[in-house]
Amino acid sequence: MQRARCYLLGESAVVLELEPPVTLESQQRIWGLVQRLADVPAVVEVIPGMNNITVTLRDPATSALNAIERLQRWWEESEAVTLESRLIEIPVIYGGEHGPDLAEVARHTGLSERQVVERHADADYIVYFIGFQPGFPYLGGLPASLATPRRAEPRLEVPAGSVGIGGGQTGIYPLSTPGGWQIIGRTDLRLFDPQRQPATLLQPGDRVLFVPSKEGVC
């Protein structure tokens, strides 16, 4: 079992943080703990992350220390759960103006641009959690051969729909924003729409397949 530590975050929250590595099994156990905490009266909100959970408390002055003790114990008792899953295909135009960092990823990994696209599109991804922006999916399943450090200098604006690699993860920017991931392609799908229910296209547990467009590198 992965070891975990709990600590206070600010004045109203506690965090449970797992030691590396990040695995699907540990993320599934986090999902199970989120479900258990959902009905605890002292809890305002539970925010799952990658190998961590942040819990906002109603009365932190009197319940924080107890929450830390209970979180630690519940993690040790937790079991992996499998969330309801859908298969979502994401069409992507790789390279060119849509993927300005594809060449850098190829250089870093020692692969050709075509090989980067093929390996990225051949993988089967799972949404671990939604964070950073509304609808931004952090995906598990990136082939280790594609892992590439984030840009030394983040861009001031990354277009909505950009597909990027940051370290050992891949994700999709739902909105235009500054960002430092290596951008290898772009999709026209809207990952976040406040007029839609639910507003986010992807949910934790969903499977994702990237489908290369003939317009880009393939």
Protein backbone atom coordinates (compact mmCIF):
# COMPACT_ATOMS: atom_id res chain seq x y z
CA MET A 1 0.00 0.00 0.00
CA GLN A 2 1.25 3.48 -0.86
CA ARG A 3 2.06 5.58 2.17
CA ALA A 4 0.12 8.78 2.66
CA ARG A 5 0.59 11.91 4.72
CA CYS A 6 -2.08 14.34 5.85
CA TYR A 7 -1.58 18.02 6.59
CA LEU A 8 -3.43 21.30 6.99
CA LEU A 9 -3.92 23.52 3.95
CA GLY A 10 -4.65 27.13 4.86
CA GLU A 11 -7.32 27.68 7.50
CA SER A 12 -10.17 25.51 6.24
CA ALA A 13 -8.86 22.40 4.49
CA VAL A 14 -6.79 19.26 4.95
CA VAL A 15 -4.89 17.32 2.32
CA LEU A 16 -4.13 13.63 1.98
CA GLU A 17 -1.12 13.16 -0.30
CA LEU A 18 0.26 9.84 -1.53
CA GLU A 19 3.85 8.99 -2.23
CA PRO A 20 4.76 8.28 -5.90
CA PRO A 21 4.17 6.56 -8.20
CA VAL A 22 0.88 7.62 -9.75
CA THR A 23 -1.04 4.48 -10.72
CA LEU A 24 -4.56 3.68 -11.85
CA GLU A 25 -5.10 1.55 -8.75
CA SER A 26 -4.16 4.38 -6.39
CA GLN A 27 -6.40 6.76 -8.33
CA GLN A 28 -9.28 4.28 -8.09
CA ARG A 29 -8.77 4.15 -4.33
CA ILE A 30 -8.88 7.95 -4.27
CA TRP A 31 -12.22 7.80 -6.14
CA GLY A 32 -13.50 5.40 -3.47
CA LEU A 33 -12.41 7.72 -0.67
CA VAL A 34 -14.11 10.66 -2.41
CA GLN A 35 -17.38 8.71 -2.43
CA ARG A 36 -17.02 7.91 1.27
CA LEU A 37 -16.38 11.55 2.18
CA ALA A 38 -19.33 12.84 0.14
CA ASP A 39 -21.80 12.05 2.94
CA VAL A 40 -19.72 13.27 5.90
CA PRO A 41 -21.58 16.23 7.50
CA ALA A 42 -18.37 18.03 8.52
CA VAL A 43 -17.17 18.16 4.90
CA VAL A 44 -18.03 21.05 2.56
CA GLU A 45 -16.22 19.83 -0.56
CA VAL A 46 -13.89 17.02 -1.65
CA ILE A 47 -11.46 17.79 -4.47
CA PRO A 48 -9.61 14.79 -5.94
CA GLY A 49 -6.24 15.38 -7.56
CA MET A 50 -3.39 13.28 -8.88
CA ASN A 51 -2.32 11.15 -5.91
CA ASN A 52 -4.05 13.52 -3.47
CA ILE A 53 -7.37 14.67 -2.03
CA THR A 54 -8.19 18.10 -0.62
CA VAL A 55 -11.05 18.26 1.87
CA THR A 56 -12.70 21.56 2.82
CA LEU A 57 -14.21 21.55 6.33
CA ARG A 58 -17.27 23.31 7.75
CA ASP A 59 -15.70 23.96 11.14
CA PRO A 60 -11.94 23.59 10.77
CA ALA A 61 -11.16 25.16 14.13
CA THR A 62 -12.66 22.16 15.93
CA SER A 63 -12.52 19.37 13.35
CA ALA A 64 -9.21 19.70 11.49
CA LEU A 65 -7.13 17.42 13.70
CA ASN A 66 -9.90 14.84 13.79
CA ALA A 67 -10.23 15.05 10.00
CA ILE A 68 -6.52 14.37 9.55
CA GLU A 69 -6.74 11.28 11.77
CA ARG A 70 -9.87 9.99 10.02
CA LEU A 71 -8.50 10.61 6.53
CA GLN A 72 -5.36 8.65 7.35
CA ARG A 73 -7.38 5.75 8.74
CA TRP A 74 -9.91 5.76 5.90
CA TRP A 75 -7.14 5.71 3.32
CA GLU A 76 -5.68 2.62 4.96
CA GLU A 77 -9.15 1.02 4.81
CA SER A 78 -10.00 2.23 1.30
CA GLU A 79 -10.57 -0.03 -1.67
CA ALA A 80 -10.30 0.65 -5.38
CA VAL A 81 -13.57 1.46 -7.14
CA THR A 82 -14.29 1.56 -10.85
CA LEU A 83 -16.36 4.54 -11.95
CA GLU A 84 -18.94 4.39 -14.71
CA SER A 85 -16.91 4.77 -17.86
CA ARG A 86 -17.60 6.01 -21.38
CA LEU A 87 -15.34 5.80 -24.41
CA ILE A 88 -14.82 9.28 -25.86
CA GLU A 89 -13.01 9.75 -29.15
CA ILE A 90 -11.14 13.04 -29.52
CA PRO A 91 -10.33 14.06 -33.12
CA VAL A 92 -6.94 15.82 -33.24
CA ILE A 93 -5.02 17.71 -35.89
CA TYR A 94 -1.39 16.98 -34.99
CA GLY A 95 1.57 19.19 -35.87
CA GLY A 96 1.85 22.40 -37.86
CA GLU A 97 0.23 25.49 -36.39
CA HIS A 98 -2.02 23.24 -34.29
CA GLY A 99 0.91 21.40 -32.69
CA PRO A 100 3.87 23.78 -32.55
CA ASP A 101 5.81 21.61 -30.07
CA LEU A 102 5.52 18.31 -31.93
CA ALA A 103 9.05 18.71 -33.30
CA GLU A 104 10.40 19.40 -29.79
CA VAL A 105 8.74 16.26 -28.40
CA ALA A 106 10.20 14.27 -31.30
CA ARG A 107 13.66 15.72 -30.62
CA HIS A 108 13.50 15.01 -26.89
CA THR A 109 12.23 11.45 -27.29
CA GLY A 110 14.43 10.53 -30.24
CA LEU A 111 11.39 9.63 -32.31
CA SER A 112 10.13 10.97 -35.61
CA GLU A 113 7.11 13.26 -35.57
CA ARG A 114 5.09 10.48 -37.20
CA GLN A 115 6.12 8.05 -34.44
CA VAL A 116 5.13 10.55 -31.74
CA VAL A 117 1.68 10.91 -33.29
CA GLU A 118 1.25 7.16 -33.73
CA ARG A 119 2.23 6.35 -30.15
CA HIS A 120 0.14 9.17 -28.71
CA ALA A 121 -2.93 8.09 -30.70
CA ASP A 122 -2.45 4.34 -30.11
CA ALA A 123 -2.61 4.63 -26.31
CA ASP A 124 -5.76 4.02 -24.26
CA TYR A 125 -6.17 6.83 -21.72
CA ILE A 126 -8.25 7.17 -18.56
CA VAL A 127 -9.37 10.47 -17.03
CA TYR A 128 -7.83 10.53 -13.55
CA PHE A 129 -9.34 13.85 -12.52
CA ILE A 130 -10.50 17.24 -13.77
CA GLY A 131 -8.47 20.26 -12.66
CA PHE A 132 -6.48 23.42 -13.46
CA GLN A 133 -9.38 24.71 -15.60
CA PRO A 134 -13.05 23.71 -15.81
CA GLY A 135 -13.02 20.58 -17.93
CA PHE A 136 -9.22 20.10 -18.12
CA PRO A 137 -8.66 16.31 -18.06
CA TYR A 138 -5.52 14.86 -16.55
CA LEU A 139 -5.11 11.60 -18.42
CA GLY A 140 -3.31 8.47 -17.28
CA GLY A 141 -1.82 6.17 -19.88
CA LEU A 142 0.73 8.27 -21.75
CA PRO A 143 3.44 5.91 -23.09
CA ALA A 144 6.65 6.40 -21.13
CA SER A 145 8.52 6.88 -24.40
CA LEU A 146 6.62 10.16 -24.97
CA ALA A 147 7.32 11.77 -21.60
CA THR A 148 8.71 15.27 -22.21
CA PRO A 149 9.39 18.07 -19.71
CA ARG A 150 7.20 21.14 -19.83
CA ARG A 151 8.43 24.19 -21.68
CA ALA A 152 11.10 26.25 -19.92
CA GLU A 153 9.07 29.37 -20.76
CA PRO A 154 5.28 28.94 -20.65
CA ARG A 155 3.24 30.52 -23.41
CA LEU A 156 1.11 33.53 -22.55
CA GLU A 157 -1.78 31.99 -24.46
CA VAL A 158 -2.53 28.39 -25.36
CA PRO A 159 -5.59 28.05 -27.64
CA ALA A 160 -8.66 26.16 -26.47
CA GLY A 161 -8.61 22.54 -27.59
CA SER A 162 -4.81 22.25 -27.51
CA VAL A 163 -3.53 18.75 -26.75
CA GLY A 164 -0.33 18.79 -24.74
CA ILE A 165 2.28 16.70 -22.96
CA GLY A 166 3.63 17.77 -19.59
CA GLY A 167 6.14 15.36 -18.11
CA GLY A 168 4.52 11.93 -17.99
CA GLN A 169 0.99 13.18 -18.59
CA THR A 170 -1.13 14.33 -21.46
CA GLY A 171 -4.17 16.60 -21.34
CA ILE A 172 -6.39 18.99 -23.28
CA TYR A 173 -6.83 22.71 -22.67
CA PRO A 174 -10.59 23.42 -22.66
CA LEU A 175 -10.15 27.20 -22.63
CA SER A 176 -7.58 29.66 -23.93
CA THR A 177 -5.07 30.27 -21.13
CA PRO A 178 -1.36 30.64 -20.35
CA GLY A 179 0.33 27.25 -20.18
CA GLY A 180 3.61 25.41 -20.27
CA TRP A 181 2.76 21.99 -21.70
CA GLN A 182 4.28 20.86 -24.99
CA ILE A 183 1.49 21.37 -27.55
CA ILE A 184 1.38 18.60 -30.16
CA GLY A 185 -2.11 19.07 -31.63
CA ARG A 186 -5.56 20.55 -31.30
CA THR A 187 -9.17 19.38 -31.26
CA ASP A 188 -12.33 21.25 -32.23
CA LEU A 189 -14.37 19.50 -29.53
CA ARG A 190 -15.61 21.75 -26.72
CA LEU A 191 -14.48 20.25 -23.44
CA PHE A 192 -16.31 22.85 -21.35
CA ASP A 193 -19.68 24.43 -22.11
CA PRO A 194 -21.56 26.11 -19.23
CA GLN A 195 -24.81 25.73 -21.18
CA ARG A 196 -24.41 21.94 -21.28
CA GLN A 197 -25.30 19.46 -18.55
CA PRO A 198 -22.87 18.36 -17.37
CA ALA A 199 -20.75 21.32 -18.43
CA THR A 200 -17.59 19.21 -18.83
CA LEU A 201 -17.32 16.76 -21.72
CA LEU A 202 -15.12 14.35 -19.80
CA GLN A 203 -15.56 12.89 -16.32
CA PRO A 204 -13.18 10.93 -14.04
CA GLY A 205 -13.08 7.31 -15.13
CA ASP A 206 -13.85 7.98 -18.81
CA ARG A 207 -11.65 6.34 -21.44
CA VAL A 208 -10.20 8.59 -24.12
CA LEU A 209 -8.90 7.76 -27.59
CA PHE A 210 -7.19 10.38 -29.75
CA VAL A 211 -8.03 10.09 -33.44
CA PRO A 212 -5.55 11.77 -35.82
CA SER A 213 -7.06 13.97 -38.52
CA LYS A 214 -5.81 13.56 -42.08
CA GLU A 215 -5.16 17.32 -42.08
CA GLY A 216 -2.21 16.92 -39.74
CA VAL A 217 0.77 14.63 -39.36
CA CYS A 218 -0.34 10.99 -39.41
